[in-house]
Amino acid sequence: MAEQELERYSHPLGERYASKEMQAIFAPANRYGTWRRLWLALAASQHELGLSISQQALDEMRSGLDEIDFAKAAEYEQRFRHDVMAHVHLFGDVAPAARGIIHLGATSAFVGDNTDLIIHREALNLIRDRLIRCITRLAKFAADHRDLATLGFTHFQPAQPTTVGKRATLWLQDYLLDIEEIDFRLEKLRFRGVQGTTGTQASFLELFEGDHEKVDALDDAVARRMGFEERYGVTGQTYSRKVDAQLLGTLANVASSASKMGHDLRLLSHLREVEEPFEEEQIGSSAMPYKRNPMRAERICAMARHVIVLSQDPLFTVATQWLERTLDDSANRRLSIPDAYLTLDGILVLVENVSSGLVVNPWVIQRNLEEHLPFMASEMILMHASAAGGDRQELHERIRQHAMAAAGRMKIEGGRADLLERIADDDTFDMNLEQLVEIVDPARFIGRAPEQVDRFLAEWVQPALARLKSGADEHLGEPDVRV
């Protein structure tokens, strides 16, 4: 890295977290290349509808779409203090026959807002593809561990057992709901279109000498050329900033799902039951060599917080837009929209990486179950002893005393819970240790968890993947995680 580059701030999203695919979507080459494609679509449509635009002008525009001299663009912007006009002049340099008709009848929002909508669509589709990959990896994990009994928790206190696979389906359920919302947003995303300075289309009506049908035809033609079937019914100078709020709200929803999974993994890592991948030479702590910190899950949670907070920005922008438009949205949108997508992209790269390499420690899971399950099985033990002729009230009191004593041994003396041994030694119950161990078999306490995993994967996940996958694996490389 050049020395002068080290003296300037470098954004962590570009340097460390976001994928090359998402960075390419928000890169200047894509943004300004889209501006040129919009100007070409406008000129080509105007040409078809009878305006005096030569075929040579269109040909030169088409051949120069990606011939962008960014240094010269910066010079023009320094001179004109206007980014759109800088690129109008720059495009005219490579398409001189079109110099006089580039941007004809349009305002800055024509390229700015329509490009933002196109970028929203591209970035949201990439988020969707990343989610599909995460769901695919997690579905395999859930299937592999469908019947591995594990201690359940409510309030992070030991509760009725579940299975490792069933717990993973809870993460999957959230991600499927996120996919549904993304699909809805993509379906409802529309084009701003050709609207003019305050959304009245006055300049285009003038160009077509009062012919309203041609103005409508122009709006239709440009939208179709840019891949949109629908446009927003009305706009001011800009499309409603509520669209940004809705889309960043969707991103925040995905981030909250990832954060929930990340928090769960951090708790499970503390219990040493399930751990994220850990590289052979990875260092968990600079001071404590033995540590295996859940840094991927921690980063997921940290970055998710950023996406969730960013979703507030467009809400404030919607609330403070004046009349047909005001420019206090511009700087905020340049920051908040790319940051939200790039951050969520980085999150999902991590989620895929973690989901592909989760480490399950069955012996730790079994030990934790054995420690707590006898207490949860006390009611079942009580029923068996009562059915064999014991006095339920007396048995209840005796098992309560034994449970308190076994819990005290764990908490005060630091010993192993010995509830089953205490009950086996109590003649009141007339049950031996072998019988008690059989009663507290974890498989008897996980209910329908394995069957629920099978059914959820078969009826919800696999149909969704069959419908959604559409090449998500083909155009994305393996996630690059910088640990």
Protein backbone atom coordinates (compact mmCIF):
# COMPACT_ATOMS: atom_id res chain seq x y z
CA MET A 1 0.00 0.00 0.00
CA ALA A 2 1.39 3.42 -1.00
CA GLU A 3 2.48 5.71 1.82
CA GLN A 4 0.01 8.43 0.84
CA GLU A 5 -2.84 5.91 1.08
CA LEU A 6 -1.89 5.18 4.68
CA GLU A 7 -2.36 8.84 5.52
CA ARG A 8 -6.02 8.83 4.50
CA TYR A 9 -9.00 7.20 6.21
CA SER A 10 -9.84 3.83 4.73
CA HIS A 11 -13.36 2.49 5.27
CA PRO A 12 -13.40 -0.90 7.08
CA LEU A 13 -16.29 -2.04 4.90
CA GLY A 14 -14.08 -1.83 1.84
CA GLU A 15 -10.87 -2.98 3.50
CA ARG A 16 -12.14 -5.77 5.71
CA TYR A 17 -15.80 -6.74 5.66
CA ALA A 18 -17.79 -6.36 2.43
CA SER A 19 -17.40 -8.74 -0.52
CA LYS A 20 -15.99 -7.73 -3.87
CA GLU A 21 -19.41 -8.41 -5.41
CA MET A 22 -21.20 -5.89 -3.19
CA GLN A 23 -18.40 -3.37 -3.47
CA ALA A 24 -18.67 -3.59 -7.26
CA ILE A 25 -22.36 -2.67 -7.08
CA PHE A 26 -21.62 0.54 -5.18
CA ALA A 27 -18.39 1.32 -7.04
CA PRO A 28 -18.13 4.52 -9.12
CA ALA A 29 -17.76 2.48 -12.32
CA ASN A 30 -21.20 0.90 -11.80
CA ARG A 31 -22.91 4.10 -10.66
CA TYR A 32 -21.61 6.35 -13.43
CA GLY A 33 -21.86 3.58 -16.00
CA THR A 34 -25.56 3.35 -15.06
CA TRP A 35 -25.91 7.11 -15.49
CA ARG A 36 -24.65 6.73 -19.05
CA ARG A 37 -27.01 3.83 -19.73
CA LEU A 38 -29.90 5.96 -18.49
CA TRP A 39 -28.89 8.84 -20.78
CA LEU A 40 -28.64 6.39 -23.67
CA ALA A 41 -32.08 4.92 -22.84
CA LEU A 42 -33.53 8.43 -22.71
CA ALA A 43 -31.94 9.48 -26.01
CA ALA A 44 -32.84 6.24 -27.79
CA SER A 45 -36.44 6.50 -26.64
CA GLN A 46 -36.64 10.18 -27.67
CA HIS A 47 -35.19 9.22 -31.08
CA GLU A 48 -37.86 6.54 -31.55
CA LEU A 49 -40.57 9.04 -30.68
CA GLY A 50 -39.43 11.50 -33.32
CA LEU A 51 -37.06 13.94 -31.66
CA SER A 52 -34.09 15.10 -33.74
CA ILE A 53 -31.42 12.76 -32.39
CA SER A 54 -29.07 11.17 -34.89
CA GLN A 55 -28.16 7.51 -35.11
CA GLN A 56 -24.50 8.56 -34.93
CA ALA A 57 -25.14 10.21 -31.56
CA LEU A 58 -26.69 7.00 -30.26
CA ASP A 59 -23.88 4.86 -31.65
CA GLU A 60 -21.21 7.03 -30.03
CA MET A 61 -23.07 6.98 -26.70
CA ARG A 62 -23.37 3.22 -26.88
CA SER A 63 -19.70 2.64 -27.67
CA GLY A 64 -18.57 5.00 -24.91
CA LEU A 65 -20.69 3.65 -22.07
CA ASP A 66 -17.75 2.33 -20.07
CA GLU A 67 -15.06 4.72 -21.26
CA ILE A 68 -15.02 6.80 -18.08
CA ASP A 69 -12.02 9.00 -17.25
CA PHE A 70 -12.48 9.50 -13.51
CA ALA A 71 -9.58 11.93 -13.21
CA LYS A 72 -11.15 14.16 -15.84
CA ALA A 73 -14.54 13.77 -14.16
CA ALA A 74 -13.00 15.12 -10.95
CA GLU A 75 -11.58 18.09 -12.87
CA TYR A 76 -15.00 18.85 -14.37
CA GLU A 77 -16.68 18.56 -10.96
CA GLN A 78 -14.10 20.89 -9.40
CA ARG A 79 -14.87 23.35 -12.18
CA PHE A 80 -18.67 23.11 -12.25
CA ARG A 81 -19.29 22.15 -8.59
CA HIS A 82 -21.93 19.74 -9.87
CA ASP A 83 -21.38 16.01 -10.20
CA VAL A 84 -24.09 15.33 -12.77
CA MET A 85 -23.02 18.16 -15.08
CA ALA A 86 -19.42 16.98 -14.76
CA HIS A 87 -20.43 13.59 -16.15
CA VAL A 88 -22.66 15.13 -18.83
CA HIS A 89 -19.61 16.95 -20.17
CA LEU A 90 -17.41 13.86 -19.75
CA PHE A 91 -19.88 11.71 -21.72
CA GLY A 92 -19.98 14.38 -24.40
CA ASP A 93 -16.22 14.11 -24.76
CA VAL A 94 -16.47 10.43 -25.79
CA ALA A 95 -19.73 10.91 -27.75
CA PRO A 96 -19.28 14.31 -29.43
CA ALA A 97 -22.18 13.77 -31.82
CA ALA A 98 -24.44 13.42 -28.77
CA ARG A 99 -23.02 16.36 -26.81
CA GLY A 100 -26.03 18.57 -27.44
CA ILE A 101 -28.72 16.02 -26.60
CA ILE A 102 -27.30 14.20 -23.54
CA HIS A 103 -29.64 14.77 -20.58
CA LEU A 104 -32.22 16.41 -22.86
CA GLY A 105 -35.24 17.51 -20.78
CA ALA A 106 -33.94 15.73 -17.70
CA THR A 107 -32.89 16.88 -14.25
CA SER A 108 -30.19 15.46 -11.99
CA ALA A 109 -32.71 13.21 -10.28
CA PHE A 110 -33.29 11.39 -13.57
CA VAL A 111 -29.89 9.75 -13.37
CA GLY A 112 -29.40 10.04 -9.59
CA ASP A 113 -32.69 8.57 -8.40
CA ASN A 114 -33.20 6.03 -11.16
CA THR A 115 -29.65 4.80 -10.62
CA ASP A 116 -30.28 4.50 -6.89
CA LEU A 117 -33.32 2.35 -7.57
CA ILE A 118 -31.31 0.14 -9.93
CA ILE A 119 -28.55 -0.19 -7.34
CA HIS A 120 -31.11 -1.00 -4.66
CA ARG A 121 -32.37 -3.81 -6.90
CA GLU A 122 -28.89 -5.17 -7.65
CA ALA A 123 -27.77 -5.03 -4.01
CA LEU A 124 -30.99 -6.53 -2.65
CA ASN A 125 -30.71 -9.40 -5.11
CA LEU A 126 -27.16 -10.05 -3.90
CA ILE A 127 -28.36 -10.04 -0.27
CA ARG A 128 -31.06 -12.51 -1.30
CA ASP A 129 -28.48 -14.79 -2.93
CA ARG A 130 -26.28 -14.68 0.15
CA LEU A 131 -29.23 -15.55 2.35
CA ILE A 132 -30.04 -18.53 0.13
CA ARG A 133 -26.49 -19.80 0.58
CA CYS A 134 -26.71 -19.35 4.35
CA ILE A 135 -30.02 -21.21 4.44
CA THR A 136 -28.54 -24.05 2.37
CA ARG A 137 -25.63 -24.50 4.81
CA LEU A 138 -27.82 -24.25 7.89
CA ALA A 139 -30.34 -26.73 6.50
CA LYS A 140 -27.60 -29.34 6.18
CA PHE A 141 -26.46 -28.63 9.73
CA ALA A 142 -30.03 -29.00 11.03
CA ALA A 143 -30.49 -32.30 9.19
CA ASP A 144 -27.16 -33.67 10.44
CA HIS A 145 -28.07 -32.95 14.06
CA ARG A 146 -31.83 -33.46 13.91
CA ASP A 147 -31.93 -35.85 16.88
CA LEU A 148 -28.91 -34.81 18.96
CA ALA A 149 -30.55 -34.02 22.28
CA THR A 150 -29.33 -30.87 23.99
CA LEU A 151 -30.36 -28.86 26.99
CA GLY A 152 -32.96 -26.25 26.14
CA PHE A 153 -32.90 -22.83 27.74
CA THR A 154 -35.48 -20.21 28.62
CA HIS A 155 -34.14 -17.00 30.21
CA PHE A 156 -30.76 -18.76 29.70
CA GLN A 157 -31.83 -21.08 32.51
CA PRO A 158 -31.94 -24.86 31.93
CA ALA A 159 -35.29 -25.93 30.51
CA GLN A 160 -36.83 -28.89 28.70
CA PRO A 161 -34.40 -30.49 26.23
CA THR A 162 -34.57 -29.85 22.51
CA THR A 163 -32.17 -30.96 19.76
CA VAL A 164 -29.24 -29.19 18.13
CA GLY A 165 -31.00 -29.51 14.77
CA LYS A 166 -34.28 -28.10 16.09
CA ARG A 167 -32.46 -25.07 17.48
CA ALA A 168 -30.94 -24.46 14.05
CA THR A 169 -34.41 -24.50 12.47
CA LEU A 170 -35.31 -21.49 14.60
CA TRP A 171 -32.53 -19.56 12.84
CA LEU A 172 -33.70 -20.93 9.51
CA GLN A 173 -37.27 -19.84 10.16
CA ASP A 174 -36.16 -16.22 10.66
CA TYR A 175 -34.10 -16.27 7.48
CA LEU A 176 -37.01 -17.68 5.47
CA LEU A 177 -39.20 -14.85 6.75
CA ASP A 178 -36.48 -12.43 5.66
CA ILE A 179 -36.47 -13.97 2.17
CA GLU A 180 -40.23 -13.48 1.96
CA GLU A 181 -39.85 -9.81 2.85
CA ILE A 182 -37.01 -9.32 0.36
CA ASP A 183 -39.08 -10.91 -2.40
CA PHE A 184 -41.96 -8.58 -1.54
CA ARG A 185 -39.69 -5.53 -1.66
CA LEU A 186 -38.20 -6.61 -5.00
CA GLU A 187 -41.67 -7.17 -6.43
CA LYS A 188 -42.83 -3.72 -5.30
CA LEU A 189 -39.68 -1.84 -6.30
CA ARG A 190 -40.53 0.52 -9.15
CA PHE A 191 -38.78 3.00 -11.43
CA ARG A 192 -38.87 6.76 -10.92
CA GLY A 193 -38.92 7.28 -14.65
CA VAL A 194 -38.89 10.48 -16.69
CA GLN A 195 -40.48 13.11 -14.45
CA GLY A 196 -38.71 16.45 -14.85
CA THR A 197 -37.65 18.98 -12.24
CA THR A 198 -40.65 18.84 -9.90
CA GLY A 199 -42.30 15.67 -11.16
CA THR A 200 -44.73 17.41 -13.54
CA GLN A 201 -42.97 16.27 -16.77
CA ALA A 202 -43.29 19.86 -18.04
CA SER A 203 -39.95 19.80 -19.90
CA PHE A 204 -40.85 16.63 -21.79
CA LEU A 205 -44.31 17.92 -22.61
CA GLU A 206 -42.56 20.95 -24.13
CA LEU A 207 -40.16 18.75 -26.12
CA PHE A 208 -43.09 16.83 -27.61
CA GLU A 209 -45.07 20.02 -28.28
CA GLY A 210 -47.88 19.21 -25.89
CA ASP A 211 -48.34 15.56 -26.92
CA HIS A 212 -49.21 13.82 -23.63
CA GLU A 213 -49.27 10.38 -25.23
CA LYS A 214 -45.66 10.72 -26.35
CA VAL A 215 -44.59 11.78 -22.86
CA ASP A 216 -46.24 8.63 -21.49
CA ALA A 217 -44.64 6.55 -24.23
CA LEU A 218 -41.22 8.03 -23.39
CA ASP A 219 -41.68 7.19 -19.70
CA ASP A 220 -42.71 3.62 -20.61
CA ALA A 221 -39.85 3.12 -23.05
CA VAL A 222 -37.09 4.30 -20.70
CA ALA A 223 -38.43 2.16 -17.86
CA ARG A 224 -38.53 -0.94 -20.06
CA ARG A 225 -35.03 -0.32 -21.36
CA MET A 226 -33.78 -0.24 -17.76
CA GLY A 227 -35.61 -3.46 -16.84
CA PHE A 228 -38.66 -2.10 -14.98
CA GLU A 229 -42.28 -2.88 -15.77
CA GLU A 230 -43.76 -0.42 -13.27
CA ARG A 231 -43.11 3.15 -12.16
CA TYR A 232 -44.19 5.03 -9.06
CA GLY A 233 -47.54 6.70 -9.70
CA VAL A 234 -46.33 10.20 -8.87
CA THR A 235 -43.10 11.78 -7.72
CA GLY A 236 -41.79 15.19 -6.81
CA GLN A 237 -38.31 15.82 -8.08
CA THR A 238 -37.29 12.55 -6.37
CA TYR A 239 -38.96 9.25 -5.70
CA SER A 240 -40.42 9.07 -2.21
CA ARG A 241 -37.67 8.58 0.35
CA LYS A 242 -40.05 6.20 2.05
CA VAL A 243 -38.75 3.61 -0.44
CA ASP A 244 -35.27 3.89 1.10
CA ALA A 245 -36.79 3.57 4.56
CA GLN A 246 -38.67 0.41 3.58
CA LEU A 247 -35.62 -1.20 2.01
CA LEU A 248 -33.22 -0.36 4.84
CA GLY A 249 -35.87 -1.61 7.25
CA THR A 250 -35.79 -4.92 5.39
CA LEU A 251 -31.99 -5.00 5.71
CA ALA A 252 -32.32 -4.30 9.44
CA ASN A 253 -34.71 -7.24 9.73
CA VAL A 254 -32.13 -9.55 8.15
CA ALA A 255 -29.47 -8.11 10.45
CA SER A 256 -31.62 -8.84 13.50
CA SER A 257 -31.97 -12.47 12.42
CA ALA A 258 -28.21 -12.78 12.02
CA SER A 259 -27.63 -11.08 15.35
CA LYS A 260 -29.98 -13.52 17.13
CA MET A 261 -28.04 -16.43 15.65
CA GLY A 262 -24.75 -14.76 16.57
CA HIS A 263 -25.83 -14.22 20.17
CA ASP A 264 -26.99 -17.84 20.41
CA LEU A 265 -23.62 -19.05 19.15
CA ARG A 266 -21.79 -16.86 21.67
CA LEU A 267 -23.81 -18.43 24.49
CA LEU A 268 -23.28 -21.93 23.14
CA SER A 269 -19.57 -21.20 22.79
CA HIS A 270 -19.46 -20.28 26.47
CA LEU A 271 -21.10 -23.62 27.25
CA ARG A 272 -18.59 -25.26 24.85
CA GLU A 273 -21.47 -27.14 23.20
CA VAL A 274 -21.32 -25.60 19.72
CA GLU A 275 -18.42 -23.50 18.46
CA GLU A 276 -17.67 -21.50 15.35
CA PRO A 277 -14.78 -22.48 13.06
CA PHE A 278 -11.29 -21.79 14.40
CA GLU A 279 -8.21 -21.72 12.18
CA GLU A 280 -5.22 -23.94 12.97
CA GLU A 281 -2.96 -21.00 13.79
CA GLN A 282 -5.68 -18.56 14.86
CA ILE A 283 -4.95 -16.65 18.07
CA GLY A 284 -7.90 -16.11 20.38
CA SER A 285 -6.23 -13.65 22.73
CA SER A 286 -2.93 -11.77 22.75
CA ALA A 287 -2.60 -12.37 26.50
CA MET A 288 -4.41 -15.67 27.08
CA PRO A 289 -3.14 -18.34 24.64
CA TYR A 290 -5.77 -20.90 25.64
CA LYS A 291 -8.76 -18.76 24.59
CA ARG A 292 -10.99 -19.63 21.65
CA ASN A 293 -13.11 -16.52 21.39
CA PRO A 294 -16.27 -16.54 19.19
CA MET A 295 -14.99 -13.56 17.20
CA ARG A 296 -16.99 -14.31 14.05
CA ALA A 297 -20.25 -14.38 16.01
CA GLU A 298 -19.19 -11.26 17.88
CA ARG A 299 -18.50 -9.47 14.62
CA ILE A 300 -21.90 -10.55 13.27
CA CYS A 301 -23.56 -8.98 16.32
CA ALA A 302 -21.46 -5.82 16.13
CA MET A 303 -22.14 -5.24 12.44
CA ALA A 304 -25.84 -6.11 12.80
CA ARG A 305 -26.14 -3.33 15.35
CA HIS A 306 -24.80 -0.92 12.72
CA VAL A 307 -27.35 -1.99 10.10
CA ILE A 308 -30.22 -1.76 12.60
CA VAL A 309 -29.17 1.75 13.63
CA LEU A 310 -28.71 2.84 10.00
CA SER A 311 -32.36 2.00 9.30
CA GLN A 312 -33.28 5.12 11.28
CA ASP A 313 -31.53 7.44 8.82
CA PRO A 314 -34.01 7.17 5.93
CA LEU A 315 -36.94 7.46 8.34
CA PHE A 316 -35.66 10.87 9.43
CA THR A 317 -35.07 11.74 5.77
CA VAL A 318 -38.67 10.87 4.86
CA ALA A 319 -39.91 12.95 7.76
CA THR A 320 -37.91 16.06 6.81
CA GLN A 321 -38.26 16.27 3.01
CA TRP A 322 -39.75 19.67 2.09
CA LEU A 323 -42.47 19.88 -0.52
CA GLU A 324 -41.17 18.60 -3.90
CA ARG A 325 -37.64 17.94 -2.52
CA THR A 326 -34.79 19.29 -0.45
CA LEU A 327 -31.11 18.44 -0.69
CA ASP A 328 -30.51 17.57 2.95
CA ASP A 329 -31.18 13.96 1.96
CA SER A 330 -28.19 13.71 -0.38
CA ALA A 331 -25.19 13.47 1.95
CA ASN A 332 -27.09 11.22 4.33
CA ARG A 333 -28.11 8.81 1.58
CA ARG A 334 -24.55 8.64 0.21
CA LEU A 335 -23.52 7.35 3.64
CA SER A 336 -26.42 5.32 5.00
CA ILE A 337 -27.58 3.33 1.94
CA PRO A 338 -24.21 1.92 0.82
CA ASP A 339 -23.15 1.32 4.44
CA ALA A 340 -26.30 -0.68 5.16
CA TYR A 341 -25.89 -2.97 2.16
CA LEU A 342 -22.12 -3.36 2.47
CA THR A 343 -22.38 -4.10 6.19
CA LEU A 344 -25.16 -6.66 5.79
CA ASP A 345 -23.22 -8.26 2.95
CA GLY A 346 -20.26 -8.64 5.31
CA ILE A 347 -22.54 -10.12 7.96
CA LEU A 348 -23.93 -12.75 5.61
CA VAL A 349 -20.45 -13.68 4.39
CA LEU A 350 -19.68 -14.45 8.04
CA VAL A 351 -22.97 -16.30 8.59
CA GLU A 352 -22.26 -18.54 5.60
CA ASN A 353 -18.71 -19.17 6.78
CA VAL A 354 -19.83 -20.01 10.31
CA SER A 355 -22.75 -22.17 9.14
CA SER A 356 -20.41 -24.18 6.93
CA GLY A 357 -18.02 -25.04 9.76
CA LEU A 358 -19.92 -25.21 13.04
CA VAL A 359 -18.23 -27.54 15.52
CA VAL A 360 -20.55 -29.63 17.71
CA ASN A 361 -19.19 -31.19 20.90
CA PRO A 362 -21.55 -34.10 21.72
CA TRP A 363 -19.76 -35.14 24.90
CA VAL A 364 -20.07 -31.67 26.38
CA ILE A 365 -23.72 -31.57 25.38
CA GLN A 366 -24.29 -34.97 27.01
CA ARG A 367 -22.51 -33.94 30.21
CA ASN A 368 -24.61 -30.79 30.53
CA LEU A 369 -27.76 -32.81 29.94
CA GLU A 370 -26.79 -35.41 32.53
CA GLU A 371 -26.19 -32.67 35.07
CA HIS A 372 -29.58 -31.01 34.70
CA LEU A 373 -31.96 -33.59 33.26
CA PRO A 374 -32.61 -35.51 36.51
CA PHE A 375 -34.13 -32.38 38.03
CA MET A 376 -36.43 -31.95 35.04
CA ALA A 377 -37.36 -35.62 35.19
CA SER A 378 -38.49 -35.45 38.81
CA GLU A 379 -42.17 -35.30 37.86
CA MET A 380 -41.82 -38.41 35.67
CA ILE A 381 -39.96 -40.24 38.44
CA LEU A 382 -42.72 -39.23 40.84
CA MET A 383 -45.39 -40.63 38.52
CA HIS A 384 -43.56 -43.97 38.11
CA ALA A 385 -43.08 -44.35 41.86
CA SER A 386 -46.74 -43.44 42.59
CA ALA A 387 -47.97 -45.92 39.97
CA ALA A 388 -45.96 -48.61 41.75
CA GLY A 389 -47.94 -48.00 44.96
CA GLY A 390 -46.10 -45.17 46.67
CA ASP A 391 -47.78 -42.28 48.48
CA ARG A 392 -47.60 -39.36 46.10
CA GLN A 393 -47.48 -36.66 48.75
CA GLU A 394 -44.75 -38.39 50.70
CA LEU A 395 -42.83 -39.09 47.50
CA HIS A 396 -43.17 -35.46 46.44
CA GLU A 397 -41.67 -34.26 49.71
CA ARG A 398 -38.86 -36.79 49.59
CA ILE A 399 -37.90 -35.90 45.99
CA ARG A 400 -38.03 -32.20 46.88
CA GLN A 401 -35.57 -32.78 49.73
CA HIS A 402 -33.26 -34.82 47.53
CA ALA A 403 -33.39 -32.19 44.76
CA MET A 404 -32.49 -29.42 47.19
CA ALA A 405 -29.62 -31.47 48.59
CA ALA A 406 -28.28 -32.38 45.11
CA ALA A 407 -28.51 -28.77 43.98
CA GLY A 408 -26.71 -27.64 47.13
CA ARG A 409 -23.93 -30.14 46.44
CA MET A 410 -23.49 -28.57 42.98
CA LYS A 411 -23.64 -24.93 44.06
CA ILE A 412 -21.96 -25.00 47.46
CA GLU A 413 -19.57 -27.93 47.34
CA GLY A 414 -18.89 -27.84 43.60
CA GLY A 415 -19.66 -31.53 43.29
CA ARG A 416 -21.56 -33.43 40.65
CA ALA A 417 -25.33 -33.53 40.87
CA ASP A 418 -26.25 -36.86 42.48
CA LEU A 419 -30.04 -36.68 42.49
CA LEU A 420 -30.55 -40.08 40.87
CA GLU A 421 -28.19 -41.79 43.34
CA ARG A 422 -30.04 -40.21 46.28
CA ILE A 423 -33.41 -41.41 44.98
CA ALA A 424 -32.03 -44.90 44.29
CA ASP A 425 -30.78 -45.10 47.90
CA ASP A 426 -34.19 -44.05 49.28
CA ASP A 427 -36.37 -47.11 49.95
CA THR A 428 -39.48 -44.93 49.72
CA PHE A 429 -39.19 -44.99 45.96
CA ASP A 430 -38.36 -48.68 45.54
CA MET A 431 -36.44 -47.90 42.30
CA ASN A 432 -32.87 -48.81 41.40
CA LEU A 433 -30.35 -46.62 39.58
CA GLU A 434 -30.72 -48.53 36.33
CA GLN A 435 -34.47 -47.86 36.28
CA LEU A 436 -33.93 -44.20 37.02
CA VAL A 437 -31.33 -43.82 34.27
CA GLU A 438 -33.78 -45.35 31.81
CA ILE A 439 -36.45 -42.87 32.87
CA VAL A 440 -34.16 -39.89 32.29
CA ASP A 441 -33.09 -41.01 28.82
CA PRO A 442 -32.84 -37.71 26.87
CA ALA A 443 -34.73 -39.22 23.93
CA ARG A 444 -37.84 -39.32 26.12
CA PHE A 445 -37.73 -35.56 26.72
CA ILE A 446 -37.17 -34.04 23.28
CA GLY A 447 -40.74 -34.56 22.15
CA ARG A 448 -41.19 -34.31 18.39
CA ALA A 449 -38.07 -32.22 17.80
CA PRO A 450 -36.45 -34.64 15.29
CA GLU A 451 -39.70 -35.04 13.39
CA GLN A 452 -40.24 -31.28 13.44
CA VAL A 453 -36.81 -30.80 11.87
CA ASP A 454 -37.58 -33.33 9.14
CA ARG A 455 -40.95 -31.80 8.41
CA PHE A 456 -39.71 -28.21 8.44
CA LEU A 457 -36.87 -28.99 6.07
CA ALA A 458 -39.11 -31.00 3.75
CA GLU A 459 -42.15 -28.72 3.72
CA TRP A 460 -40.60 -25.28 4.09
CA VAL A 461 -36.86 -25.12 3.48
CA GLN A 462 -36.38 -27.43 0.51
CA PRO A 463 -39.34 -26.02 -1.47
CA ALA A 464 -38.06 -22.50 -0.77
CA LEU A 465 -34.55 -23.42 -1.93
CA ALA A 466 -35.91 -25.11 -5.05
CA ARG A 467 -37.86 -21.96 -5.86
CA LEU A 468 -35.15 -19.46 -4.90
CA LYS A 469 -31.77 -20.93 -5.67
CA SER A 470 -31.54 -19.85 -9.32
CA GLY A 471 -27.79 -19.87 -9.59
CA ALA A 472 -26.89 -18.21 -6.30
CA ASP A 473 -23.91 -20.56 -6.02
CA GLU A 474 -22.74 -20.04 -9.57
CA HIS A 475 -21.95 -16.32 -9.60
CA LEU A 476 -20.64 -15.98 -6.05
CA GLY A 477 -17.26 -17.25 -5.01
CA GLU A 478 -16.40 -18.76 -1.65
CA PRO A 479 -16.78 -16.15 1.08
CA ASP A 480 -13.54 -14.41 1.95
CA VAL A 481 -13.45 -13.95 5.72
CA ARG A 482 -10.71 -11.79 7.16
CA VAL A 483 -10.27 -13.09 10.70
